[in-house]
Amino acid sequence: MRAVTEALIPSGEGFHFGFGSDDEEIKNSVFDELERLLRMDRWLPSFQYTVSQAALEAKERLAIKGIGTLTFGELLLYVREGIFDELRAQAYDILLNLGALRHAPLVKLVFYTLRSDPSPFIRRRLLKAIAMGLGAMAITGKSSQLKTQSTDEMVIEEDAAKSVAVRKDLLDRSSISGAIEALRKEIVEDQILKDEMWRCAKYIHS
């Protein structure tokens, strides 16, 4: 799975052509196979759900690179209490890495789990995942992914003004002090995230 994932991800950060029809067929075949492996592992679990962990890791990497999707709904299947702890922790890691802290229902779920889950392992891993999620918020900004329109020959940016604004925001966040200040402003504007963080802080000290 890791080898196929590496093969699908373009090398380097420069210009690259979009997927052709043959490439799309290969990409779809890979995602179909990942889905098949995930379903199979739910029915006949591998040792410590190793197959599911590898498949989710592959889907996360491809989603971050804009190749295919990994929805929050798919990950919510694996964050329920009773799921193998290592797999459950990985699902939370991915959820937060993909921006769960910018979605109010997921924010409530994450911090409720942090306060009330009976597993010390899950609480410890979730705390680390939240820290990583906040770091991702600080670095990427709300509009980190440009909306693009793909053709067989090139990728065309739809809105030049929006592109400039996004690039300026990312430039402001490129330093540590700038990223911290941007994160502080974003948290100030997010009442639900503030409330949940404060509720956890009071719970820990009570």
N, C-alpha and C. Protein backbone atom coordinates (compact mmCIF):
# COMPACT_ATOMS: atom_id res chain seq x y z
N MET A 1 0.82 -1.20 0.00
CA MET A 1 0.00 0.00 0.00
C MET A 1 0.86 1.26 0.00
N ARG A 2 1.91 1.23 0.80
CA ARG A 2 2.78 2.41 0.85
C ARG A 2 3.46 2.65 -0.49
N ALA A 3 3.88 1.58 -1.17
CA ALA A 3 4.55 1.72 -2.46
C ALA A 3 3.61 2.31 -3.51
N VAL A 4 2.37 1.84 -3.54
CA VAL A 4 1.40 2.36 -4.50
C VAL A 4 1.09 3.82 -4.20
N THR A 5 0.97 4.16 -2.92
CA THR A 5 0.71 5.54 -2.52
C THR A 5 1.83 6.45 -3.00
N GLU A 6 3.07 6.03 -2.77
CA GLU A 6 4.23 6.81 -3.22
C GLU A 6 4.19 7.01 -4.73
N ALA A 7 3.79 5.98 -5.46
CA ALA A 7 3.77 6.06 -6.92
C ALA A 7 2.73 7.06 -7.41
N LEU A 8 1.63 7.22 -6.68
CA LEU A 8 0.58 8.14 -7.11
C LEU A 8 0.89 9.60 -6.82
N ILE A 9 1.76 9.84 -5.82
CA ILE A 9 2.06 11.22 -5.42
C ILE A 9 3.14 11.80 -6.33
N PRO A 10 2.87 12.95 -7.01
CA PRO A 10 3.89 13.55 -7.88
C PRO A 10 5.13 13.92 -7.08
N SER A 11 6.29 13.75 -7.69
CA SER A 11 7.54 14.10 -7.02
C SER A 11 7.79 15.59 -7.16
N GLY A 12 8.36 16.20 -6.12
CA GLY A 12 8.66 17.62 -6.16
C GLY A 12 7.41 18.47 -5.96
N GLU A 13 7.62 19.78 -5.84
CA GLU A 13 6.54 20.71 -5.59
C GLU A 13 6.26 21.62 -6.78
N GLY A 14 6.90 21.37 -7.89
CA GLY A 14 6.72 22.25 -9.04
C GLY A 14 5.50 21.90 -9.87
N PHE A 15 5.44 22.46 -11.09
CA PHE A 15 4.32 22.22 -11.99
C PHE A 15 4.27 20.76 -12.41
N HIS A 16 3.06 20.23 -12.48
CA HIS A 16 2.90 18.88 -13.00
C HIS A 16 1.58 18.80 -13.73
N PHE A 17 1.52 17.92 -14.71
CA PHE A 17 0.31 17.74 -15.47
C PHE A 17 -0.73 17.00 -14.66
N GLY A 18 -2.01 17.26 -14.97
CA GLY A 18 -3.10 16.57 -14.31
C GLY A 18 -3.16 15.11 -14.73
N PHE A 19 -4.00 14.35 -14.06
CA PHE A 19 -4.17 12.95 -14.38
C PHE A 19 -4.83 12.79 -15.75
N GLY A 20 -4.27 11.92 -16.58
CA GLY A 20 -4.93 11.55 -17.82
C GLY A 20 -5.94 10.45 -17.57
N SER A 21 -6.59 10.00 -18.64
CA SER A 21 -7.63 8.99 -18.47
C SER A 21 -7.07 7.68 -17.90
N ASP A 22 -5.89 7.29 -18.40
CA ASP A 22 -5.27 6.06 -17.89
C ASP A 22 -4.89 6.21 -16.42
N ASP A 23 -4.36 7.39 -16.08
CA ASP A 23 -3.97 7.64 -14.69
C ASP A 23 -5.18 7.64 -13.78
N GLU A 24 -6.29 8.21 -14.25
CA GLU A 24 -7.51 8.23 -13.45
C GLU A 24 -7.99 6.80 -13.16
N GLU A 25 -7.86 5.95 -14.15
CA GLU A 25 -8.27 4.56 -13.96
C GLU A 25 -7.41 3.88 -12.91
N ILE A 26 -6.11 4.16 -12.94
CA ILE A 26 -5.21 3.59 -11.94
C ILE A 26 -5.55 4.13 -10.55
N LYS A 27 -5.76 5.46 -10.48
CA LYS A 27 -6.09 6.08 -9.19
C LYS A 27 -7.38 5.48 -8.61
N ASN A 28 -8.39 5.36 -9.45
CA ASN A 28 -9.65 4.79 -8.99
C ASN A 28 -9.49 3.34 -8.53
N SER A 29 -8.64 2.60 -9.25
CA SER A 29 -8.38 1.21 -8.87
C SER A 29 -7.72 1.13 -7.50
N VAL A 30 -6.78 2.07 -7.25
CA VAL A 30 -6.10 2.10 -5.96
C VAL A 30 -7.09 2.39 -4.83
N PHE A 31 -7.95 3.38 -5.04
CA PHE A 31 -8.91 3.73 -3.98
C PHE A 31 -9.93 2.60 -3.77
N ASP A 32 -10.33 1.95 -4.85
CA ASP A 32 -11.24 0.81 -4.71
C ASP A 32 -10.58 -0.30 -3.89
N GLU A 33 -9.29 -0.52 -4.14
CA GLU A 33 -8.57 -1.57 -3.40
C GLU A 33 -8.42 -1.18 -1.92
N LEU A 34 -8.14 0.09 -1.65
CA LEU A 34 -8.04 0.53 -0.26
C LEU A 34 -9.37 0.34 0.46
N GLU A 35 -10.47 0.68 -0.22
CA GLU A 35 -11.79 0.48 0.38
C GLU A 35 -12.06 -1.00 0.63
N ARG A 36 -11.67 -1.84 -0.31
CA ARG A 36 -11.88 -3.28 -0.16
C ARG A 36 -11.11 -3.81 1.05
N LEU A 37 -9.86 -3.34 1.21
CA LEU A 37 -9.05 -3.79 2.33
C LEU A 37 -9.63 -3.33 3.67
N LEU A 38 -10.15 -2.10 3.70
CA LEU A 38 -10.76 -1.60 4.93
C LEU A 38 -12.00 -2.42 5.29
N ARG A 39 -12.83 -2.71 4.29
CA ARG A 39 -14.02 -3.53 4.57
C ARG A 39 -13.64 -4.92 5.05
N MET A 40 -12.65 -5.51 4.37
CA MET A 40 -12.21 -6.86 4.73
C MET A 40 -11.67 -6.90 6.15
N ASP A 41 -10.95 -5.84 6.54
CA ASP A 41 -10.36 -5.81 7.87
C ASP A 41 -11.41 -5.61 8.95
N ARG A 42 -12.55 -5.00 8.57
CA ARG A 42 -13.64 -4.89 9.54
C ARG A 42 -14.31 -6.25 9.76
N TRP A 43 -14.40 -7.04 8.71
CA TRP A 43 -15.05 -8.36 8.81
C TRP A 43 -14.12 -9.41 9.40
N LEU A 44 -12.87 -9.44 8.91
CA LEU A 44 -11.87 -10.41 9.38
C LEU A 44 -10.62 -9.63 9.80
N PRO A 45 -10.58 -9.14 11.03
CA PRO A 45 -9.50 -8.24 11.46
C PRO A 45 -8.11 -8.87 11.35
N SER A 46 -7.18 -8.09 10.85
CA SER A 46 -5.78 -8.49 10.86
C SER A 46 -5.21 -8.25 12.26
N PHE A 47 -3.99 -8.69 12.49
CA PHE A 47 -3.36 -8.52 13.80
C PHE A 47 -3.28 -7.03 14.14
N GLN A 48 -3.92 -6.61 15.23
CA GLN A 48 -3.95 -5.22 15.67
C GLN A 48 -4.42 -4.27 14.56
N TYR A 49 -5.27 -4.78 13.69
CA TYR A 49 -5.84 -3.97 12.59
C TYR A 49 -4.76 -3.27 11.77
N THR A 50 -3.68 -4.01 11.54
CA THR A 50 -2.55 -3.43 10.79
C THR A 50 -2.96 -3.00 9.39
N VAL A 51 -3.82 -3.78 8.73
CA VAL A 51 -4.25 -3.45 7.38
C VAL A 51 -5.04 -2.15 7.38
N SER A 52 -5.95 -1.99 8.33
CA SER A 52 -6.74 -0.75 8.42
C SER A 52 -5.84 0.46 8.68
N GLN A 53 -4.86 0.29 9.55
CA GLN A 53 -3.96 1.41 9.85
C GLN A 53 -3.17 1.83 8.61
N ALA A 54 -2.68 0.86 7.85
CA ALA A 54 -1.92 1.18 6.64
C ALA A 54 -2.82 1.82 5.58
N ALA A 55 -4.05 1.32 5.43
CA ALA A 55 -4.96 1.86 4.43
C ALA A 55 -5.37 3.29 4.77
N LEU A 56 -5.66 3.56 6.04
CA LEU A 56 -6.02 4.92 6.44
C LEU A 56 -4.86 5.88 6.26
N GLU A 57 -3.66 5.41 6.57
CA GLU A 57 -2.47 6.24 6.37
C GLU A 57 -2.30 6.59 4.89
N ALA A 58 -2.52 5.60 4.03
CA ALA A 58 -2.40 5.83 2.58
C ALA A 58 -3.45 6.83 2.11
N LYS A 59 -4.69 6.66 2.56
CA LYS A 59 -5.76 7.57 2.14
C LYS A 59 -5.52 8.99 2.65
N GLU A 60 -4.96 9.11 3.86
CA GLU A 60 -4.65 10.43 4.40
C GLU A 60 -3.60 11.13 3.53
N ARG A 61 -2.53 10.41 3.19
CA ARG A 61 -1.46 11.02 2.39
C ARG A 61 -1.98 11.47 1.03
N LEU A 62 -2.81 10.65 0.42
CA LEU A 62 -3.36 10.99 -0.89
C LEU A 62 -4.32 12.16 -0.78
N ALA A 63 -5.12 12.21 0.27
CA ALA A 63 -6.07 13.31 0.45
C ALA A 63 -5.34 14.63 0.67
N ILE A 64 -4.27 14.61 1.46
CA ILE A 64 -3.50 15.83 1.71
C ILE A 64 -2.89 16.37 0.42
N LYS A 65 -2.50 15.47 -0.48
CA LYS A 65 -1.93 15.88 -1.77
C LYS A 65 -3.00 16.21 -2.80
N GLY A 66 -4.28 16.12 -2.42
CA GLY A 66 -5.34 16.44 -3.36
C GLY A 66 -5.66 15.34 -4.34
N ILE A 67 -5.23 14.13 -4.03
CA ILE A 67 -5.50 12.97 -4.90
C ILE A 67 -6.56 12.13 -4.21
N GLY A 68 -7.79 12.28 -4.62
CA GLY A 68 -8.87 11.57 -3.95
C GLY A 68 -9.30 12.27 -2.67
N THR A 69 -10.21 11.66 -1.94
CA THR A 69 -10.75 12.28 -0.73
C THR A 69 -10.76 11.28 0.42
N LEU A 70 -10.74 11.84 1.61
CA LEU A 70 -10.95 11.07 2.83
C LEU A 70 -11.87 11.90 3.70
N THR A 71 -13.13 11.50 3.82
CA THR A 71 -14.13 12.32 4.51
C THR A 71 -14.08 12.10 6.01
N PHE A 72 -14.59 13.09 6.75
CA PHE A 72 -14.70 12.93 8.19
C PHE A 72 -15.61 11.76 8.53
N GLY A 73 -16.66 11.56 7.73
CA GLY A 73 -17.58 10.46 7.98
C GLY A 73 -16.89 9.11 7.97
N GLU A 74 -15.94 8.92 7.05
CA GLU A 74 -15.19 7.67 7.01
C GLU A 74 -14.39 7.47 8.29
N LEU A 75 -13.79 8.55 8.79
CA LEU A 75 -12.94 8.45 9.97
C LEU A 75 -13.76 8.24 11.24
N LEU A 76 -14.99 8.77 11.25
CA LEU A 76 -15.83 8.62 12.44
C LEU A 76 -16.18 7.16 12.72
N LEU A 77 -16.06 6.32 11.70
CA LEU A 77 -16.29 4.88 11.93
C LEU A 77 -15.27 4.29 12.90
N TYR A 78 -14.11 4.94 12.98
CA TYR A 78 -13.01 4.37 13.74
C TYR A 78 -12.72 5.08 15.06
N VAL A 79 -13.48 6.12 15.41
CA VAL A 79 -13.18 6.85 16.65
C VAL A 79 -14.12 6.45 17.79
N ARG A 80 -15.02 5.52 17.53
CA ARG A 80 -15.97 5.10 18.56
C ARG A 80 -15.28 4.28 19.65
N GLU A 81 -15.81 4.40 20.87
CA GLU A 81 -15.30 3.59 21.97
C GLU A 81 -15.55 2.12 21.66
N GLY A 82 -14.57 1.29 21.92
CA GLY A 82 -14.65 -0.13 21.62
C GLY A 82 -13.78 -0.53 20.44
N ILE A 83 -13.40 0.46 19.60
CA ILE A 83 -12.46 0.20 18.52
C ILE A 83 -11.06 -0.01 19.12
N PHE A 84 -10.27 -0.87 18.50
CA PHE A 84 -8.89 -1.11 18.97
C PHE A 84 -8.18 0.23 19.18
N ASP A 85 -7.57 0.41 20.35
CA ASP A 85 -7.05 1.72 20.76
C ASP A 85 -6.09 2.35 19.75
N GLU A 86 -5.16 1.56 19.22
CA GLU A 86 -4.16 2.12 18.30
C GLU A 86 -4.84 2.62 17.02
N LEU A 87 -5.80 1.87 16.51
CA LEU A 87 -6.53 2.29 15.31
C LEU A 87 -7.38 3.50 15.61
N ARG A 88 -8.02 3.50 16.76
CA ARG A 88 -8.86 4.64 17.15
C ARG A 88 -8.02 5.92 17.30
N ALA A 89 -6.86 5.79 17.93
CA ALA A 89 -5.98 6.95 18.09
C ALA A 89 -5.50 7.47 16.73
N GLN A 90 -5.20 6.55 15.82
CA GLN A 90 -4.78 6.98 14.49
C GLN A 90 -5.89 7.74 13.77
N ALA A 91 -7.13 7.26 13.92
CA ALA A 91 -8.26 7.95 13.28
C ALA A 91 -8.40 9.37 13.81
N TYR A 92 -8.22 9.55 15.12
CA TYR A 92 -8.26 10.90 15.70
C TYR A 92 -7.09 11.74 15.18
N ASP A 93 -5.91 11.14 15.07
CA ASP A 93 -4.76 11.86 14.52
C ASP A 93 -5.08 12.42 13.13
N ILE A 94 -5.63 11.56 12.28
CA ILE A 94 -5.93 11.96 10.91
C ILE A 94 -7.05 13.00 10.89
N LEU A 95 -8.07 12.78 11.71
CA LEU A 95 -9.19 13.71 11.79
C LEU A 95 -8.71 15.13 12.11
N LEU A 96 -7.83 15.22 13.10
CA LEU A 96 -7.33 16.54 13.50
C LEU A 96 -6.34 17.10 12.49
N ASN A 97 -5.57 16.23 11.86
CA ASN A 97 -4.63 16.67 10.84
C ASN A 97 -5.34 17.24 9.62
N LEU A 98 -6.56 16.75 9.36
CA LEU A 98 -7.34 17.22 8.21
C LEU A 98 -8.23 18.41 8.52
N GLY A 99 -8.12 18.95 9.74
CA GLY A 99 -8.84 20.19 10.04
C GLY A 99 -10.09 20.07 10.87
N ALA A 100 -10.19 19.03 11.70
CA ALA A 100 -11.40 18.84 12.50
C ALA A 100 -11.66 20.00 13.46
N LEU A 101 -10.62 20.70 13.89
CA LEU A 101 -10.80 21.79 14.85
C LEU A 101 -11.47 23.01 14.24
N ARG A 102 -11.72 22.99 12.94
CA ARG A 102 -12.47 24.08 12.30
C ARG A 102 -13.93 23.71 12.07
N HIS A 103 -14.37 22.58 12.65
CA HIS A 103 -15.75 22.12 12.48
C HIS A 103 -16.35 21.90 13.85
N ALA A 104 -17.37 22.70 14.20
CA ALA A 104 -17.92 22.72 15.56
C ALA A 104 -18.33 21.35 16.08
N PRO A 105 -19.09 20.53 15.33
CA PRO A 105 -19.48 19.23 15.87
C PRO A 105 -18.28 18.34 16.21
N LEU A 106 -17.24 18.41 15.37
CA LEU A 106 -16.05 17.60 15.62
C LEU A 106 -15.25 18.13 16.80
N VAL A 107 -15.23 19.45 16.96
CA VAL A 107 -14.57 20.05 18.12
C VAL A 107 -15.21 19.52 19.41
N LYS A 108 -16.55 19.49 19.44
CA LYS A 108 -17.25 18.99 20.63
C LYS A 108 -16.94 17.52 20.88
N LEU A 109 -16.91 16.74 19.80
CA LEU A 109 -16.59 15.31 19.95
C LEU A 109 -15.19 15.11 20.49
N VAL A 110 -14.22 15.82 19.93
CA VAL A 110 -12.82 15.65 20.32
C VAL A 110 -12.62 16.00 21.79
N PHE A 111 -13.15 17.14 22.22
CA PHE A 111 -12.90 17.57 23.60
C PHE A 111 -13.75 16.78 24.60
N TYR A 112 -14.92 16.30 24.17
CA TYR A 112 -15.70 15.42 25.05
C TYR A 112 -14.92 14.12 25.29
N THR A 113 -14.34 13.58 24.23
CA THR A 113 -13.53 12.36 24.36
C THR A 113 -12.34 12.61 25.27
N LEU A 114 -11.71 13.76 25.12
CA LEU A 114 -10.54 14.09 25.95
C LEU A 114 -10.92 14.15 27.43
N ARG A 115 -12.11 14.66 27.71
CA ARG A 115 -12.55 14.78 29.12
C ARG A 115 -13.01 13.46 29.71
N SER A 116 -13.67 12.63 28.90
CA SER A 116 -14.44 11.53 29.50
C SER A 116 -14.01 10.13 29.09
N ASP A 117 -13.11 9.97 28.13
CA ASP A 117 -12.78 8.62 27.69
C ASP A 117 -12.08 7.85 28.80
N PRO A 118 -12.46 6.58 29.01
CA PRO A 118 -11.86 5.80 30.10
C PRO A 118 -10.43 5.36 29.83
N SER A 119 -9.97 5.45 28.58
CA SER A 119 -8.64 4.95 28.24
C SER A 119 -7.58 6.05 28.39
N PRO A 120 -6.62 5.89 29.32
CA PRO A 120 -5.52 6.88 29.43
C PRO A 120 -4.72 6.99 28.14
N PHE A 121 -4.57 5.86 27.43
CA PHE A 121 -3.82 5.88 26.17
C PHE A 121 -4.50 6.80 25.16
N ILE A 122 -5.83 6.68 25.01
CA ILE A 122 -6.56 7.51 24.06
C ILE A 122 -6.49 8.97 24.46
N ARG A 123 -6.64 9.26 25.74
CA ARG A 123 -6.59 10.66 26.19
C ARG A 123 -5.22 11.26 25.93
N ARG A 124 -4.17 10.49 26.19
CA ARG A 124 -2.81 11.00 25.96
C ARG A 124 -2.56 11.24 24.47
N ARG A 125 -2.95 10.27 23.63
CA ARG A 125 -2.76 10.42 22.19
C ARG A 125 -3.61 11.56 21.62
N LEU A 126 -4.82 11.70 22.17
CA LEU A 126 -5.71 12.75 21.68
C LEU A 126 -5.17 14.13 22.04
N LEU A 127 -4.59 14.25 23.22
CA LEU A 127 -3.98 15.53 23.61
C LEU A 127 -2.85 15.90 22.66
N LYS A 128 -2.04 14.92 22.31
CA LYS A 128 -0.96 15.17 21.34
C LYS A 128 -1.53 15.52 19.97
N ALA A 129 -2.60 14.82 19.56
CA ALA A 129 -3.21 15.09 18.26
C ALA A 129 -3.82 16.50 18.21
N ILE A 130 -4.41 16.94 19.32
CA ILE A 130 -4.97 18.31 19.38
C ILE A 130 -3.86 19.33 19.21
N ALA A 131 -2.72 19.09 19.87
CA ALA A 131 -1.58 20.00 19.73
C ALA A 131 -1.13 20.06 18.28
N MET A 132 -1.06 18.91 17.62
CA MET A 132 -0.68 18.88 16.21
C MET A 132 -1.74 19.58 15.35
N GLY A 133 -3.02 19.40 15.70
CA GLY A 133 -4.09 20.06 14.96
C GLY A 133 -4.02 21.56 15.08
N LEU A 134 -3.73 22.06 16.28
CA LEU A 134 -3.57 23.51 16.47
C LEU A 134 -2.37 24.02 15.68
N GLY A 135 -1.31 23.23 15.65
CA GLY A 135 -0.14 23.61 14.85
C GLY A 135 -0.47 23.70 13.38
N ALA A 136 -1.26 22.73 12.90
CA ALA A 136 -1.68 22.76 11.49
C ALA A 136 -2.55 23.97 11.20
N MET A 137 -3.44 24.33 12.14
CA MET A 137 -4.27 25.53 11.97
C MET A 137 -3.39 26.77 11.86
N ALA A 138 -2.36 26.84 12.71
CA ALA A 138 -1.49 28.01 12.72
C ALA A 138 -0.72 28.16 11.41
N ILE A 139 -0.30 27.04 10.85
CA ILE A 139 0.56 27.09 9.66
C ILE A 139 -0.24 27.24 8.37
N THR A 140 -1.37 26.54 8.27
CA THR A 140 -2.07 26.48 6.99
C THR A 140 -3.06 27.59 6.77
N GLY A 141 -3.74 28.05 7.81
CA GLY A 141 -4.80 29.03 7.60
C GLY A 141 -6.06 28.38 7.08
N LYS A 142 -7.16 29.16 7.07
CA LYS A 142 -8.44 28.61 6.67
C LYS A 142 -8.52 28.30 5.19
N SER A 143 -7.79 29.05 4.38
CA SER A 143 -7.90 28.89 2.93
C SER A 143 -6.62 28.33 2.34
N SER A 144 -6.10 27.29 2.97
CA SER A 144 -4.80 26.76 2.55
C SER A 144 -4.87 26.05 1.22
N GLN A 145 -6.04 25.51 0.88
CA GLN A 145 -6.15 24.77 -0.37
C GLN A 145 -6.87 25.62 -1.41
N LEU A 146 -6.17 25.99 -2.46
CA LEU A 146 -6.76 26.78 -3.52
C LEU A 146 -7.74 25.94 -4.32
N LYS A 147 -8.88 26.56 -4.67
CA LYS A 147 -9.82 25.87 -5.52
C LYS A 147 -9.32 25.96 -6.95
N THR A 148 -9.12 24.83 -7.54
CA THR A 148 -8.58 24.81 -8.89
C THR A 148 -9.47 24.03 -9.81
N GLN A 149 -9.30 24.32 -11.09
CA GLN A 149 -10.02 23.60 -12.11
C GLN A 149 -9.01 22.87 -12.97
N SER A 150 -9.13 21.54 -13.01
CA SER A 150 -8.15 20.72 -13.71
C SER A 150 -8.57 20.49 -15.15
N THR A 151 -7.58 20.50 -16.03
CA THR A 151 -7.78 20.08 -17.41
C THR A 151 -6.73 19.05 -17.71
N ASP A 152 -6.75 18.49 -18.93
CA ASP A 152 -5.75 17.50 -19.29
C ASP A 152 -4.36 18.14 -19.42
N GLU A 153 -4.30 19.46 -19.63
CA GLU A 153 -3.03 20.09 -19.93
C GLU A 153 -2.45 20.87 -18.76
N MET A 154 -3.28 21.47 -17.94
CA MET A 154 -2.74 22.32 -16.89
C MET A 154 -3.78 22.52 -15.81
N VAL A 155 -3.37 23.19 -14.73
CA VAL A 155 -4.27 23.55 -13.65
C VAL A 155 -4.45 25.07 -13.69
N ILE A 156 -5.69 25.54 -13.79
CA ILE A 156 -5.99 26.96 -13.92
C ILE A 156 -6.60 27.47 -12.63
N GLU A 157 -6.04 28.50 -12.03
CA GLU A 157 -6.59 29.07 -10.81
C GLU A 157 -7.81 29.91 -11.17
N GLU A 158 -8.94 29.69 -10.46
CA GLU A 158 -10.19 30.33 -10.80
C GLU A 158 -10.24 31.79 -10.39
N ASP A 159 -9.66 32.16 -9.27
CA ASP A 159 -9.80 33.50 -8.72
C ASP A 159 -8.44 34.02 -8.33
N ALA A 160 -7.88 34.92 -9.16
CA ALA A 160 -6.53 35.41 -8.91
C ALA A 160 -6.47 36.23 -7.62
N ALA A 161 -7.52 37.04 -7.35
CA ALA A 161 -7.52 37.87 -6.14
C ALA A 161 -7.51 37.00 -4.89
N LYS A 162 -8.30 35.93 -4.92
CA LYS A 162 -8.34 35.03 -3.78
C LYS A 162 -7.00 34.33 -3.62
N SER A 163 -6.37 33.98 -4.75
CA SER A 163 -5.08 33.33 -4.70
C SER A 163 -4.04 34.22 -4.04
N VAL A 164 -4.06 35.50 -4.37
CA VAL A 164 -3.11 36.45 -3.78
C VAL A 164 -3.35 36.57 -2.29
N ALA A 165 -4.63 36.63 -1.88
CA ALA A 165 -4.96 36.75 -0.45
C ALA A 165 -4.49 35.53 0.32
N VAL A 166 -4.68 34.35 -0.29
CA VAL A 166 -4.26 33.11 0.37
C VAL A 166 -2.75 33.09 0.52
N ARG A 167 -2.04 33.47 -0.54
CA ARG A 167 -0.58 33.45 -0.49
C ARG A 167 -0.05 34.46 0.54
N LYS A 168 -0.71 35.61 0.66
CA LYS A 168 -0.30 36.60 1.66
C LYS A 168 -0.51 36.05 3.07
N ASP A 169 -1.66 35.38 3.26
CA ASP A 169 -1.94 34.78 4.56
C ASP A 169 -0.88 33.74 4.92
N LEU A 170 -0.52 32.90 3.95
CA LEU A 170 0.49 31.87 4.20
C LEU A 170 1.86 32.50 4.48
N LEU A 171 2.15 33.61 3.80
CA LEU A 171 3.42 34.30 4.03
C LEU A 171 3.47 34.86 5.44
N ASP A 172 2.34 35.42 5.90
CA ASP A 172 2.28 35.95 7.26
C ASP A 172 2.49 34.84 8.29
N ARG A 173 2.07 33.61 7.95
CA ARG A 173 2.17 32.49 8.87
C ARG A 173 3.50 31.75 8.75
N SER A 174 4.38 32.22 7.89
CA SER A 174 5.62 31.48 7.63
C SER A 174 6.63 31.59 8.77
N SER A 175 6.48 32.59 9.63
CA SER A 175 7.36 32.70 10.80
C SER A 175 6.63 32.17 12.02
N ILE A 176 7.39 31.79 13.04
CA ILE A 176 6.78 31.25 14.25
C ILE A 176 5.88 32.28 14.92
N SER A 177 6.38 33.52 15.05
CA SER A 177 5.59 34.56 15.71
C SER A 177 4.32 34.87 14.90
N GLY A 178 4.44 34.88 13.57
CA GLY A 178 3.28 35.14 12.72
C GLY A 178 2.24 34.03 12.82
N ALA A 179 2.72 32.77 12.86
CA ALA A 179 1.80 31.64 12.97
C ALA A 179 1.07 31.65 14.31
N ILE A 180 1.80 31.96 15.38
CA ILE A 180 1.18 32.02 16.71
C ILE A 180 0.13 33.12 16.78
N GLU A 181 0.46 34.27 16.22
CA GLU A 181 -0.49 35.39 16.23
C GLU A 181 -1.73 35.06 15.41
N ALA A 182 -1.54 34.42 14.25
CA ALA A 182 -2.68 34.04 13.41
C ALA A 182 -3.56 33.02 14.13
N LEU A 183 -2.94 32.05 14.81
CA LEU A 183 -3.70 31.05 15.56
C LEU A 183 -4.47 31.71 16.70
N ARG A 184 -3.84 32.65 17.39
CA ARG A 184 -4.50 33.34 18.49
C ARG A 184 -5.76 34.07 17.99
N LYS A 185 -5.62 34.74 16.85
CA LYS A 185 -6.77 35.47 16.29
C LYS A 185 -7.89 34.50 15.88
N GLU A 186 -7.50 33.38 15.30
CA GLU A 186 -8.50 32.42 14.85
C GLU A 186 -9.25 31.81 16.03
N ILE A 187 -8.54 31.51 17.11
CA ILE A 187 -9.20 30.94 18.29
C ILE A 187 -10.13 31.97 18.94
N VAL A 188 -9.70 33.23 18.97
CA VAL A 188 -10.53 34.30 19.54
C VAL A 188 -11.87 34.39 18.81
N GLU A 189 -11.85 34.15 17.50
CA GLU A 189 -13.06 34.26 16.70
C GLU A 189 -13.92 33.01 16.73
N ASP A 190 -13.41 31.92 17.31
CA ASP A 190 -14.15 30.65 17.33
C ASP A 190 -14.65 30.38 18.75
N GLN A 191 -15.90 30.78 19.01
CA GLN A 191 -16.43 30.69 20.36
C GLN A 191 -16.54 29.25 20.85
N ILE A 192 -16.94 28.33 19.98
CA ILE A 192 -17.09 26.93 20.38
C ILE A 192 -15.75 26.32 20.77
N LEU A 193 -14.73 26.58 19.97
CA LEU A 193 -13.40 26.05 20.30
C LEU A 193 -12.90 26.62 21.61
N LYS A 194 -13.11 27.92 21.83
CA LYS A 194 -12.70 28.53 23.10
C LYS A 194 -13.42 27.88 24.28
N ASP A 195 -14.74 27.72 24.13
CA ASP A 195 -15.54 27.14 25.22
C ASP A 195 -15.09 25.72 25.55
N GLU A 196 -14.83 24.92 24.52
CA GLU A 196 -14.43 23.53 24.75
C GLU A 196 -13.05 23.43 25.38
N MET A 197 -12.14 24.28 24.96
CA MET A 197 -10.80 24.30 25.56
C MET A 197 -10.87 24.71 27.03
N TRP A 198 -11.70 25.71 27.32
CA TRP A 198 -11.82 26.18 28.69
C TRP A 198 -12.51 25.13 29.56
N ARG A 199 -13.51 24.43 29.00
CA ARG A 199 -14.19 23.39 29.74
C ARG A 199 -13.22 22.27 30.12
N CYS A 200 -12.35 21.92 29.19
CA CYS A 200 -11.34 20.89 29.49
C CYS A 200 -10.34 21.38 30.54
N ALA A 201 -9.95 22.63 30.44
CA ALA A 201 -9.01 23.18 31.42
C ALA A 201 -9.61 23.15 32.83
N LYS A 202 -10.88 23.52 32.96
CA LYS A 202 -11.54 23.50 34.26
C LYS A 202 -11.71 22.06 34.76
N TYR A 203 -11.99 21.14 33.83
CA TYR A 203 -12.19 19.74 34.20
C TYR A 203 -10.88 19.16 34.76
N ILE A 204 -9.75 19.48 34.12
CA ILE A 204 -8.46 18.96 34.56
C ILE A 204 -8.10 19.46 35.95
N HIS A 205 -8.44 20.74 36.23
CA HIS A 205 -8.05 21.34 37.51
C HIS A 205 -9.08 21.08 38.60
N SER A 206 -10.24 20.50 38.26
CA SER A 206 -11.26 20.25 39.28
C SER A 206 -10.98 18.96 40.05
